[in-house]
């Protein structure tokens, strides 16, 4: 939103005051196939965009390719993908964090959803679907 002043100068209002805080998945770690655990978080402000941070535990040291996407929550409760944070490459050991963003947004409610590519029990596919707390841009 812009404000026009007496001399015709327009200044943009800060959108950060118009963004809810977001945050991490409220129920803690999401247990996924292969023993992998994900804890996705959303942050940012409406003037810059939304960031993703996904905390990852991989205790069985399987090869995973962690990824995250930005979804808009529609008024009927369904979601639509509006951005892709991408993947961070192969991880086997340790507990990496995926940190990506920002992705520009408009007014609405958003969540970060996380998952990973892996071969588990001989089946290669995309596993996961854990969602962060919602973040709203007003």
N, C-alpha and C. Protein backbone atom coordinates (compact mmCIF):
# COMPACT_ATOMS: atom_id res chain seq x y z
N UNK A 1 0.85 -1.16 0.00
CA UNK A 1 0.00 0.00 0.00
C UNK A 1 0.90 1.22 0.00
N UNK A 2 0.56 2.26 -0.75
CA UNK A 2 1.36 3.47 -0.82
C UNK A 2 0.55 4.64 -0.29
N UNK A 3 1.25 5.63 0.26
CA UNK A 3 0.62 6.84 0.76
C UNK A 3 1.11 8.00 -0.09
N UNK A 4 0.20 8.82 -0.61
CA UNK A 4 0.58 9.98 -1.41
C UNK A 4 0.57 11.20 -0.50
N UNK A 5 1.71 11.88 -0.44
CA UNK A 5 1.85 13.06 0.40
C UNK A 5 1.54 14.31 -0.41
N UNK A 6 1.47 15.45 0.25
CA UNK A 6 1.06 16.71 -0.38
C UNK A 6 1.83 17.02 -1.65
N UNK A 7 3.10 16.78 -1.69
CA UNK A 7 3.90 17.10 -2.86
C UNK A 7 3.85 16.04 -3.94
N UNK A 8 3.02 15.02 -3.78
CA UNK A 8 2.91 13.97 -4.79
C UNK A 8 3.91 12.85 -4.58
N UNK A 9 4.70 12.88 -3.50
CA UNK A 9 5.67 11.85 -3.23
C UNK A 9 4.97 10.62 -2.66
N UNK A 10 5.24 9.45 -3.20
CA UNK A 10 4.63 8.22 -2.70
C UNK A 10 5.66 7.43 -1.91
N UNK A 11 5.26 6.94 -0.76
CA UNK A 11 6.15 6.12 0.05
C UNK A 11 5.45 4.80 0.35
N UNK A 12 6.19 3.73 0.35
CA UNK A 12 5.61 2.42 0.64
C UNK A 12 5.56 2.20 2.14
N UNK A 13 4.44 1.66 2.59
CA UNK A 13 4.33 1.31 4.00
C UNK A 13 5.04 -0.01 4.23
N UNK A 14 5.58 -0.19 5.41
CA UNK A 14 6.24 -1.45 5.75
C UNK A 14 5.21 -2.54 5.87
N UNK A 15 5.45 -3.66 5.19
CA UNK A 15 4.53 -4.79 5.28
C UNK A 15 4.85 -5.67 6.47
N UNK A 16 6.01 -5.46 7.09
CA UNK A 16 6.37 -6.34 8.19
C UNK A 16 5.38 -6.25 9.33
N UNK A 17 4.79 -5.09 9.54
CA UNK A 17 3.78 -4.95 10.58
C UNK A 17 2.48 -5.64 10.18
N UNK A 18 2.36 -5.98 8.91
CA UNK A 18 1.15 -6.60 8.40
C UNK A 18 1.35 -8.09 8.12
N UNK A 19 2.29 -8.71 8.81
CA UNK A 19 2.57 -10.12 8.63
C UNK A 19 2.55 -10.81 9.99
N UNK A 20 1.82 -11.93 10.10
CA UNK A 20 1.84 -12.69 11.35
C UNK A 20 3.23 -13.32 11.51
N UNK A 21 3.57 -13.75 12.71
CA UNK A 21 4.94 -14.21 12.94
C UNK A 21 5.32 -15.53 12.28
N UNK A 22 4.38 -16.35 11.85
CA UNK A 22 4.75 -17.65 11.29
C UNK A 22 5.25 -18.55 12.39
N UNK A 23 6.26 -19.32 12.12
CA UNK A 23 6.86 -20.18 13.13
C UNK A 23 6.99 -21.61 12.67
N UNK A 24 7.41 -22.44 13.61
CA UNK A 24 7.66 -23.85 13.31
C UNK A 24 6.40 -24.70 13.50
N UNK A 25 6.46 -25.87 12.97
CA UNK A 25 5.39 -26.86 13.14
C UNK A 25 5.05 -26.94 14.63
N UNK A 26 3.80 -26.77 14.97
CA UNK A 26 3.41 -26.64 16.38
C UNK A 26 3.43 -27.96 17.14
N UNK A 27 3.40 -29.08 16.45
CA UNK A 27 3.40 -30.37 17.14
C UNK A 27 4.78 -31.01 17.18
N UNK A 28 5.82 -30.24 16.87
CA UNK A 28 7.19 -30.75 16.95
C UNK A 28 7.61 -31.53 15.72
N UNK A 29 8.55 -32.44 15.92
CA UNK A 29 9.13 -33.21 14.84
C UNK A 29 8.11 -34.11 14.16
N UNK A 30 8.12 -34.14 12.82
CA UNK A 30 7.27 -35.05 12.06
C UNK A 30 8.08 -36.29 11.73
N UNK A 31 7.60 -37.45 12.13
CA UNK A 31 8.28 -38.71 11.83
C UNK A 31 7.91 -39.16 10.43
N UNK A 32 8.94 -39.38 9.61
CA UNK A 32 8.74 -39.76 8.21
C UNK A 32 9.36 -41.14 7.97
N UNK A 33 9.11 -41.74 6.81
CA UNK A 33 9.70 -43.04 6.50
C UNK A 33 11.23 -43.01 6.60
N UNK A 34 11.81 -44.15 6.90
CA UNK A 34 13.26 -44.27 7.00
C UNK A 34 13.82 -43.72 8.31
N UNK A 35 12.95 -43.33 9.23
CA UNK A 35 13.40 -42.77 10.49
C UNK A 35 13.74 -41.30 10.43
N UNK A 36 13.57 -40.68 9.26
CA UNK A 36 13.86 -39.25 9.10
C UNK A 36 12.80 -38.43 9.85
N UNK A 37 13.24 -37.35 10.47
CA UNK A 37 12.32 -36.44 11.16
C UNK A 37 12.50 -35.04 10.59
N UNK A 38 11.37 -34.35 10.37
CA UNK A 38 11.38 -33.00 9.81
C UNK A 38 10.66 -32.04 10.75
N UNK A 39 11.17 -30.82 10.83
CA UNK A 39 10.51 -29.78 11.62
C UNK A 39 10.58 -28.48 10.81
N UNK A 40 9.58 -28.23 9.94
CA UNK A 40 9.59 -27.05 9.07
C UNK A 40 9.12 -25.78 9.78
N UNK A 41 9.70 -24.65 9.38
CA UNK A 41 9.38 -23.34 9.95
C UNK A 41 9.20 -22.32 8.83
N UNK A 42 8.36 -21.32 9.08
CA UNK A 42 8.16 -20.21 8.15
C UNK A 42 8.50 -18.91 8.86
N UNK A 43 9.05 -17.96 8.11
CA UNK A 43 9.36 -16.64 8.67
C UNK A 43 9.41 -15.64 7.52
N UNK A 44 9.53 -14.37 7.86
CA UNK A 44 9.66 -13.33 6.84
C UNK A 44 8.66 -12.23 7.06
N UNK A 45 8.56 -11.36 6.06
CA UNK A 45 7.55 -10.32 6.09
C UNK A 45 7.04 -10.09 4.68
N UNK A 46 5.86 -9.53 4.61
CA UNK A 46 5.19 -9.36 3.33
C UNK A 46 5.92 -8.47 2.35
N UNK A 47 6.79 -7.55 2.84
CA UNK A 47 7.48 -6.65 1.92
C UNK A 47 8.65 -7.34 1.22
N UNK A 48 9.20 -8.38 1.82
CA UNK A 48 10.35 -9.07 1.24
C UNK A 48 9.97 -10.46 0.74
N UNK A 49 9.23 -11.18 1.53
CA UNK A 49 8.83 -12.53 1.16
C UNK A 49 8.92 -13.47 2.35
N UNK A 50 8.67 -14.73 2.07
CA UNK A 50 8.66 -15.75 3.12
C UNK A 50 9.87 -16.65 2.96
N UNK A 51 10.48 -16.97 4.09
CA UNK A 51 11.65 -17.85 4.15
C UNK A 51 11.24 -19.21 4.70
N UNK A 52 12.01 -20.23 4.36
CA UNK A 52 11.81 -21.57 4.90
C UNK A 52 13.06 -21.99 5.66
N UNK A 53 12.85 -22.59 6.82
CA UNK A 53 13.90 -23.29 7.53
C UNK A 53 13.32 -24.65 7.89
N UNK A 54 14.02 -25.70 7.52
CA UNK A 54 13.57 -27.05 7.85
C UNK A 54 14.70 -27.72 8.63
N UNK A 55 14.40 -28.08 9.87
CA UNK A 55 15.35 -28.82 10.69
C UNK A 55 15.16 -30.29 10.35
N UNK A 56 16.28 -31.02 10.22
CA UNK A 56 16.23 -32.40 9.74
C UNK A 56 17.05 -33.30 10.66
N UNK A 57 16.46 -34.43 11.03
CA UNK A 57 17.19 -35.49 11.74
C UNK A 57 17.18 -36.72 10.83
N UNK A 58 18.34 -37.34 10.69
CA UNK A 58 18.48 -38.51 9.82
C UNK A 58 19.28 -39.57 10.57
N UNK A 59 18.72 -40.16 11.65
CA UNK A 59 19.48 -41.05 12.52
C UNK A 59 19.93 -42.35 11.86
N UNK A 60 19.25 -42.80 10.81
CA UNK A 60 19.63 -44.04 10.14
C UNK A 60 20.62 -43.81 9.00
N UNK A 61 21.02 -42.56 8.80
CA UNK A 61 22.03 -42.18 7.80
C UNK A 61 21.70 -42.70 6.40
N UNK A 62 20.42 -42.56 5.99
CA UNK A 62 20.06 -42.91 4.62
C UNK A 62 20.33 -41.70 3.74
N UNK A 63 20.54 -41.93 2.45
CA UNK A 63 20.74 -40.83 1.51
C UNK A 63 19.42 -40.13 1.27
N UNK A 64 19.35 -38.85 1.63
CA UNK A 64 18.14 -38.06 1.41
C UNK A 64 18.49 -36.77 0.69
N UNK A 65 17.52 -36.22 -0.03
CA UNK A 65 17.63 -34.93 -0.70
C UNK A 65 16.49 -34.06 -0.16
N UNK A 66 16.70 -33.33 0.96
CA UNK A 66 15.64 -32.53 1.57
C UNK A 66 15.21 -31.36 0.68
N UNK A 67 13.91 -31.09 0.68
CA UNK A 67 13.32 -30.05 -0.15
C UNK A 67 12.22 -29.32 0.62
N UNK A 68 11.81 -28.15 0.11
CA UNK A 68 10.70 -27.42 0.71
C UNK A 68 9.98 -26.62 -0.36
N UNK A 69 8.67 -26.46 -0.16
CA UNK A 69 7.83 -25.67 -1.05
C UNK A 69 7.01 -24.70 -0.22
N UNK A 70 6.54 -23.64 -0.86
CA UNK A 70 5.65 -22.68 -0.22
C UNK A 70 4.26 -22.87 -0.79
N UNK A 71 3.29 -23.11 0.11
CA UNK A 71 1.91 -23.30 -0.29
C UNK A 71 1.05 -22.18 0.24
N UNK A 72 0.09 -21.73 -0.57
CA UNK A 72 -0.92 -20.79 -0.09
C UNK A 72 -2.11 -21.61 0.38
N UNK A 73 -2.65 -21.24 1.54
CA UNK A 73 -3.84 -21.91 2.08
C UNK A 73 -5.06 -21.17 1.53
N UNK A 74 -5.88 -21.87 0.78
CA UNK A 74 -7.07 -21.28 0.17
C UNK A 74 -8.21 -21.17 1.18
N UNK A 75 -9.20 -20.36 0.88
CA UNK A 75 -10.32 -20.13 1.80
C UNK A 75 -11.10 -21.42 2.12
N UNK A 76 -11.05 -22.41 1.23
CA UNK A 76 -11.77 -23.67 1.48
C UNK A 76 -10.89 -24.71 2.18
N UNK A 77 -9.67 -24.31 2.60
CA UNK A 77 -8.79 -25.21 3.33
C UNK A 77 -7.83 -26.00 2.47
N UNK A 78 -7.99 -25.97 1.15
CA UNK A 78 -7.04 -26.63 0.27
C UNK A 78 -5.80 -25.76 0.14
N UNK A 79 -4.75 -26.30 -0.47
CA UNK A 79 -3.53 -25.53 -0.66
C UNK A 79 -3.13 -25.52 -2.13
N UNK A 80 -2.40 -24.48 -2.52
CA UNK A 80 -1.88 -24.34 -3.87
C UNK A 80 -0.40 -23.98 -3.76
N UNK A 81 0.45 -24.72 -4.47
CA UNK A 81 1.87 -24.39 -4.44
C UNK A 81 2.11 -23.08 -5.16
N UNK A 82 2.79 -22.14 -4.49
CA UNK A 82 3.09 -20.84 -5.09
C UNK A 82 4.59 -20.60 -5.23
N UNK A 83 5.39 -21.47 -4.66
CA UNK A 83 6.84 -21.32 -4.78
C UNK A 83 7.56 -22.59 -4.40
N UNK A 84 8.76 -22.73 -4.94
CA UNK A 84 9.59 -23.89 -4.66
C UNK A 84 10.92 -23.41 -4.10
N UNK A 85 11.21 -23.76 -2.85
CA UNK A 85 12.49 -23.39 -2.25
C UNK A 85 13.62 -24.27 -2.76
N UNK A 86 13.28 -25.37 -3.40
CA UNK A 86 14.28 -26.27 -3.95
C UNK A 86 14.78 -27.26 -2.90
N UNK A 87 15.87 -27.93 -3.26
CA UNK A 87 16.45 -28.96 -2.41
C UNK A 87 17.87 -28.55 -2.03
N UNK A 88 18.43 -29.19 -1.03
CA UNK A 88 19.78 -28.83 -0.60
C UNK A 88 20.83 -29.85 -0.99
N UNK A 89 20.48 -30.84 -1.78
CA UNK A 89 21.45 -31.85 -2.18
C UNK A 89 21.46 -33.04 -1.24
N UNK A 90 22.32 -33.97 -1.51
CA UNK A 90 22.34 -35.23 -0.77
C UNK A 90 22.88 -35.05 0.64
N UNK A 91 22.18 -35.68 1.60
CA UNK A 91 22.61 -35.71 2.99
C UNK A 91 22.52 -37.13 3.48
N UNK A 92 23.55 -37.58 4.17
CA UNK A 92 23.53 -38.91 4.75
C UNK A 92 23.68 -38.85 6.25
N UNK A 93 24.68 -38.15 6.71
CA UNK A 93 24.96 -38.09 8.15
C UNK A 93 24.69 -36.70 8.68
N UNK A 94 24.49 -36.64 9.98
CA UNK A 94 24.31 -35.34 10.61
C UNK A 94 22.88 -34.89 10.59
N UNK A 95 22.70 -33.65 11.01
CA UNK A 95 21.37 -33.06 11.10
C UNK A 95 21.39 -31.71 10.41
N UNK A 96 21.31 -31.68 9.09
CA UNK A 96 21.39 -30.42 8.37
C UNK A 96 20.11 -29.60 8.53
N UNK A 97 20.22 -28.32 8.28
CA UNK A 97 19.05 -27.45 8.19
C UNK A 97 18.96 -26.96 6.76
N UNK A 98 17.77 -27.00 6.20
CA UNK A 98 17.51 -26.39 4.90
C UNK A 98 17.08 -24.96 5.19
N UNK A 99 17.79 -24.00 4.66
CA UNK A 99 17.44 -22.58 4.84
C UNK A 99 17.39 -21.95 3.45
N UNK A 100 16.20 -21.51 3.07
CA UNK A 100 16.01 -20.95 1.73
C UNK A 100 15.02 -19.79 1.77
N UNK A 101 15.12 -18.93 0.79
CA UNK A 101 14.14 -17.86 0.64
C UNK A 101 14.84 -16.54 0.41
N UNK A 102 14.13 -15.49 0.30
CA UNK A 102 12.68 -15.41 0.41
C UNK A 102 11.99 -15.64 -0.93
N UNK A 103 10.73 -16.03 -0.85
CA UNK A 103 9.85 -16.10 -2.01
C UNK A 103 8.81 -15.00 -1.82
N UNK A 104 8.70 -14.12 -2.81
CA UNK A 104 7.75 -13.01 -2.76
C UNK A 104 6.31 -13.50 -2.74
N UNK A 105 5.48 -12.80 -1.99
CA UNK A 105 4.08 -13.20 -1.83
C UNK A 105 3.17 -11.97 -1.86
N UNK A 106 1.88 -12.21 -1.91
CA UNK A 106 0.87 -11.17 -1.79
C UNK A 106 0.01 -11.52 -0.59
N UNK A 107 -1.06 -10.79 -0.36
CA UNK A 107 -1.92 -11.07 0.79
C UNK A 107 -2.41 -12.51 0.76
N UNK A 108 -2.42 -13.13 1.94
CA UNK A 108 -2.90 -14.50 2.04
C UNK A 108 -2.28 -15.23 3.21
N UNK A 109 -2.61 -16.50 3.31
CA UNK A 109 -2.09 -17.37 4.36
C UNK A 109 -1.23 -18.43 3.70
N UNK A 110 -0.06 -18.69 4.28
CA UNK A 110 0.92 -19.58 3.67
C UNK A 110 1.46 -20.58 4.68
N UNK A 111 1.98 -21.72 4.18
CA UNK A 111 2.71 -22.68 4.98
C UNK A 111 3.92 -23.15 4.17
N UNK A 112 4.97 -23.51 4.89
CA UNK A 112 6.11 -24.17 4.29
C UNK A 112 5.89 -25.67 4.47
N UNK A 113 5.99 -26.42 3.40
CA UNK A 113 5.86 -27.88 3.48
C UNK A 113 7.20 -28.49 3.10
N UNK A 114 7.61 -29.53 3.83
CA UNK A 114 8.92 -30.12 3.59
C UNK A 114 8.82 -31.62 3.38
N UNK A 115 9.80 -32.13 2.66
CA UNK A 115 9.90 -33.56 2.39
C UNK A 115 11.30 -33.86 1.88
N UNK A 116 11.47 -35.04 1.32
CA UNK A 116 12.79 -35.42 0.81
C UNK A 116 12.65 -36.53 -0.22
N UNK A 117 13.61 -36.56 -1.13
CA UNK A 117 13.73 -37.64 -2.10
C UNK A 117 14.65 -38.69 -1.48
N UNK A 118 14.28 -39.96 -1.61
CA UNK A 118 15.11 -41.04 -1.07
C UNK A 118 14.64 -42.38 -1.62
N UNK A 119 15.51 -43.37 -1.47
CA UNK A 119 15.13 -44.75 -1.74
C UNK A 119 14.97 -45.43 -0.38
N UNK A 120 13.75 -45.86 -0.09
CA UNK A 120 13.44 -46.51 1.19
C UNK A 120 12.80 -47.85 0.87
N UNK A 121 13.37 -48.90 1.41
CA UNK A 121 12.90 -50.27 1.16
C UNK A 121 12.80 -50.56 -0.33
N UNK A 122 13.77 -50.05 -1.09
CA UNK A 122 13.83 -50.31 -2.53
C UNK A 122 12.91 -49.45 -3.37
N UNK A 123 12.21 -48.47 -2.76
CA UNK A 123 11.28 -47.62 -3.50
C UNK A 123 11.77 -46.18 -3.48
N UNK A 124 12.12 -45.68 -4.68
CA UNK A 124 12.55 -44.29 -4.80
C UNK A 124 11.33 -43.40 -4.92
N UNK A 125 11.28 -42.33 -4.13
CA UNK A 125 10.16 -41.42 -4.22
C UNK A 125 10.34 -40.22 -3.33
N UNK A 126 9.32 -39.39 -3.31
CA UNK A 126 9.31 -38.20 -2.47
C UNK A 126 8.51 -38.52 -1.22
N UNK A 127 9.13 -38.37 -0.07
CA UNK A 127 8.51 -38.69 1.21
C UNK A 127 8.35 -37.43 2.03
N UNK A 128 7.35 -37.39 2.86
CA UNK A 128 7.17 -36.25 3.73
C UNK A 128 5.89 -35.51 3.44
N UNK A 129 5.84 -34.29 3.87
CA UNK A 129 4.65 -33.46 3.75
C UNK A 129 4.40 -32.68 5.03
N UNK A 130 5.40 -32.61 5.91
CA UNK A 130 5.25 -31.87 7.16
C UNK A 130 5.11 -30.38 6.87
N UNK A 131 4.20 -29.71 7.58
CA UNK A 131 3.93 -28.30 7.35
C UNK A 131 4.31 -27.46 8.55
N UNK A 132 4.79 -26.25 8.27
CA UNK A 132 5.10 -25.27 9.31
C UNK A 132 3.81 -24.68 9.88
N UNK A 133 3.96 -23.85 10.88
CA UNK A 133 2.83 -23.02 11.32
C UNK A 133 2.49 -22.08 10.16
N UNK A 134 1.25 -21.60 10.12
CA UNK A 134 0.87 -20.67 9.05
C UNK A 134 1.49 -19.30 9.30
N UNK A 135 1.74 -18.61 8.20
CA UNK A 135 2.19 -17.23 8.24
C UNK A 135 1.22 -16.45 7.35
N UNK A 136 0.73 -15.33 7.85
CA UNK A 136 -0.28 -14.55 7.12
C UNK A 136 0.28 -13.22 6.71
N UNK A 137 -0.03 -12.82 5.49
CA UNK A 137 0.32 -11.49 4.98
C UNK A 137 -0.99 -10.76 4.79
N UNK A 138 -1.14 -9.61 5.47
CA UNK A 138 -2.39 -8.83 5.46
C UNK A 138 -2.33 -7.70 4.46
